[in-house]
Amino acid sequence: MLETDPHAERVLYLVRQWVAKAENDLQNATHTLKLGEDGPLDTVCFHAQQCVEKYIKALLCFHEIDFYRTHNITALLALLPVHLQPELSAEEQARLNDYAVAVRYPDDYEPVSLAEAERAVQVAQRVRTQIRRRLPRTGTTPPAKAL
């Protein structure tokens, strides 16, 4: 019988939790996007940002890189070695950072267009694909229910 490493199991459990939350956000974004122009497009962008953020945090967790509470994609990416970073342009990072906070509250922000919401979901899907390739398959399966 093989013994498992409790520390490695705990790390994988945390990675699975981040992945599950990221998947929920992507599901929310893609489902809401189906409403088209009549849907809450700012919410689509928020959930796309959350998907990207949580996938980055899953990767950080897997590599045991400490991170602090932030929604700032640029700051989180800076914690990763360059070879592990998903491809995100400076413009995409800035947009995602705006979606984390600015579009969630009434203020002087521009309404989100359908095309912009579609781009946000495409970015989230691209980052999801890239990060899942950097995680072990066991890190992308749903976490087991806690006892």
Protein backbone atom coordinates (compact mmCIF):
# COMPACT_ATOMS: atom_id res chain seq x y z
CA MET A 1 0.00 0.00 0.00
CA LEU A 2 1.41 3.39 -0.98
CA GLU A 3 1.55 6.05 1.67
CA THR A 4 0.39 9.48 0.67
CA ASP A 5 2.08 12.70 1.60
CA PRO A 6 -0.39 14.62 3.80
CA HIS A 7 1.19 17.95 2.83
CA ALA A 8 0.91 17.22 -0.89
CA GLU A 9 -2.68 16.05 -0.42
CA ARG A 10 -3.52 19.29 1.40
CA VAL A 11 -1.96 21.36 -1.40
CA LEU A 12 -3.95 19.46 -4.04
CA TYR A 13 -7.12 19.86 -1.99
CA LEU A 14 -6.62 23.65 -1.91
CA VAL A 15 -5.83 23.75 -5.62
CA ARG A 16 -9.04 21.83 -6.34
CA GLN A 17 -11.01 24.32 -4.26
CA TRP A 18 -9.60 27.29 -6.21
CA VAL A 19 -10.28 25.50 -9.50
CA ALA A 20 -13.87 24.70 -8.48
CA LYS A 21 -14.50 28.34 -7.59
CA ALA A 22 -12.92 29.49 -10.87
CA GLU A 23 -15.11 27.08 -12.80
CA ASN A 24 -18.21 28.43 -11.04
CA ASP A 25 -17.27 31.96 -12.07
CA LEU A 26 -16.68 30.91 -15.68
CA GLN A 27 -20.00 29.09 -15.73
CA ASN A 28 -21.73 32.22 -14.40
CA ALA A 29 -20.03 34.39 -17.02
CA THR A 30 -20.80 32.12 -19.98
CA HIS A 31 -24.37 31.47 -18.90
CA THR A 32 -25.13 35.15 -18.31
CA LEU A 33 -23.50 36.06 -21.63
CA LYS A 34 -26.22 34.01 -23.37
CA LEU A 35 -28.67 36.76 -22.43
CA GLY A 36 -26.91 39.01 -24.94
CA GLU A 37 -27.47 42.77 -24.86
CA ASP A 38 -30.28 42.32 -22.32
CA GLY A 39 -28.02 40.64 -19.79
CA PRO A 40 -25.98 42.23 -17.02
CA LEU A 41 -22.76 42.49 -19.03
CA ASP A 42 -20.85 44.09 -16.17
CA THR A 43 -21.51 40.90 -14.19
CA VAL A 44 -20.19 38.80 -17.07
CA CYS A 45 -16.93 40.76 -16.95
CA PHE A 46 -16.73 40.51 -13.16
CA HIS A 47 -17.09 36.72 -13.25
CA ALA A 48 -14.57 36.44 -16.09
CA GLN A 49 -12.10 38.40 -13.95
CA GLN A 50 -12.84 36.20 -10.96
CA CYS A 51 -12.21 33.09 -13.04
CA VAL A 52 -8.79 34.38 -14.10
CA GLU A 53 -7.93 35.49 -10.56
CA LYS A 54 -8.86 32.16 -9.03
CA TYR A 55 -7.02 30.12 -11.64
CA ILE A 56 -3.88 32.17 -10.98
CA LYS A 57 -4.35 31.59 -7.25
CA ALA A 58 -4.72 27.84 -7.91
CA LEU A 59 -1.41 27.87 -9.75
CA LEU A 60 0.25 29.88 -6.98
CA CYS A 61 -1.12 27.44 -4.43
CA PHE A 62 0.12 24.42 -6.39
CA HIS A 63 3.63 25.88 -6.49
CA GLU A 64 3.35 26.85 -2.82
CA ILE A 65 3.86 30.54 -3.55
CA ASP A 66 2.32 32.68 -0.86
CA PHE A 67 -0.07 35.37 -2.02
CA TYR A 68 -2.07 38.03 -0.27
CA ARG A 69 -5.70 38.99 -0.62
CA THR A 70 -5.98 40.99 -3.78
CA HIS A 71 -8.04 41.13 -6.94
CA ASN A 72 -5.12 42.67 -8.84
CA ILE A 73 -4.24 40.31 -11.68
CA THR A 74 -0.97 42.11 -12.41
CA ALA A 75 0.19 41.76 -8.81
CA LEU A 76 -0.71 38.08 -8.73
CA LEU A 77 1.06 37.38 -12.02
CA ALA A 78 4.18 39.08 -10.68
CA LEU A 79 4.39 36.39 -7.99
CA LEU A 80 4.68 33.64 -10.60
CA PRO A 81 7.91 32.78 -12.39
CA VAL A 82 7.68 34.02 -15.99
CA HIS A 83 7.57 30.50 -17.46
CA LEU A 84 4.40 29.73 -15.45
CA GLN A 85 2.52 32.93 -16.26
CA PRO A 86 -0.45 32.65 -18.59
CA GLU A 87 -0.38 34.92 -21.62
CA LEU A 88 -2.10 38.16 -20.65
CA SER A 89 -1.24 41.44 -22.29
CA ALA A 90 -0.87 44.57 -20.19
CA GLU A 91 -4.17 45.81 -21.66
CA GLU A 92 -5.96 42.57 -20.72
CA GLN A 93 -4.57 42.77 -17.20
CA ALA A 94 -5.74 46.38 -16.85
CA ARG A 95 -9.23 45.52 -18.11
CA LEU A 96 -9.49 42.55 -15.77
CA ASN A 97 -8.37 44.71 -12.86
CA ASP A 98 -11.13 47.20 -13.70
CA TYR A 99 -13.72 44.43 -13.77
CA ALA A 100 -12.76 43.33 -10.26
CA VAL A 101 -13.98 46.52 -8.66
CA ALA A 102 -14.93 49.40 -10.95
CA VAL A 103 -17.85 47.76 -12.76
CA ARG A 104 -19.35 46.43 -9.53
CA TYR A 105 -20.31 49.78 -8.08
CA PRO A 106 -22.21 52.77 -9.40
CA ASP A 107 -19.71 55.37 -10.47
CA ASP A 108 -18.34 57.01 -13.57
CA TYR A 109 -17.61 53.84 -15.53
CA GLU A 110 -18.68 53.25 -19.10
CA PRO A 111 -21.35 50.58 -19.64
CA VAL A 112 -19.94 47.27 -20.85
CA SER A 113 -20.69 46.34 -24.46
CA LEU A 114 -21.60 42.85 -25.58
CA ALA A 115 -18.34 42.68 -27.56
CA GLU A 116 -16.33 43.62 -24.47
CA ALA A 117 -18.11 41.00 -22.35
CA GLU A 118 -17.46 38.38 -25.04
CA ARG A 119 -13.75 39.32 -25.05
CA ALA A 120 -13.60 39.03 -21.26
CA VAL A 121 -15.02 35.50 -21.40
CA GLN A 122 -12.60 34.56 -24.20
CA VAL A 123 -9.68 35.79 -22.08
CA ALA A 124 -10.93 33.79 -19.09
CA GLN A 125 -11.29 30.66 -21.23
CA ARG A 126 -7.79 31.12 -22.65
CA VAL A 127 -6.24 31.59 -19.19
CA ARG A 128 -8.21 28.60 -17.91
CA THR A 129 -6.78 26.40 -20.69
CA GLN A 130 -3.22 27.61 -20.14
CA ILE A 131 -3.27 27.19 -16.37
CA ARG A 132 -4.97 23.79 -16.46
CA ARG A 133 -2.04 22.62 -18.62
CA ARG A 134 0.30 23.70 -15.82
CA LEU A 135 -1.61 21.82 -13.12
CA PRO A 136 -1.68 18.06 -12.56
CA ARG A 137 -4.87 16.39 -13.71
CA THR A 138 -5.63 15.54 -10.07
CA GLY A 139 -5.57 19.28 -9.31
CA THR A 140 -8.36 20.02 -11.73
CA THR A 141 -10.88 17.48 -10.48
CA PRO A 142 -13.53 18.68 -8.02
CA PRO A 143 -12.51 18.48 -4.36
CA ALA A 144 -13.93 15.64 -2.33
CA LYS A 145 -16.60 16.62 0.15
CA ALA A 146 -15.23 17.31 3.60
CA LEU A 147 -16.19 14.73 6.19
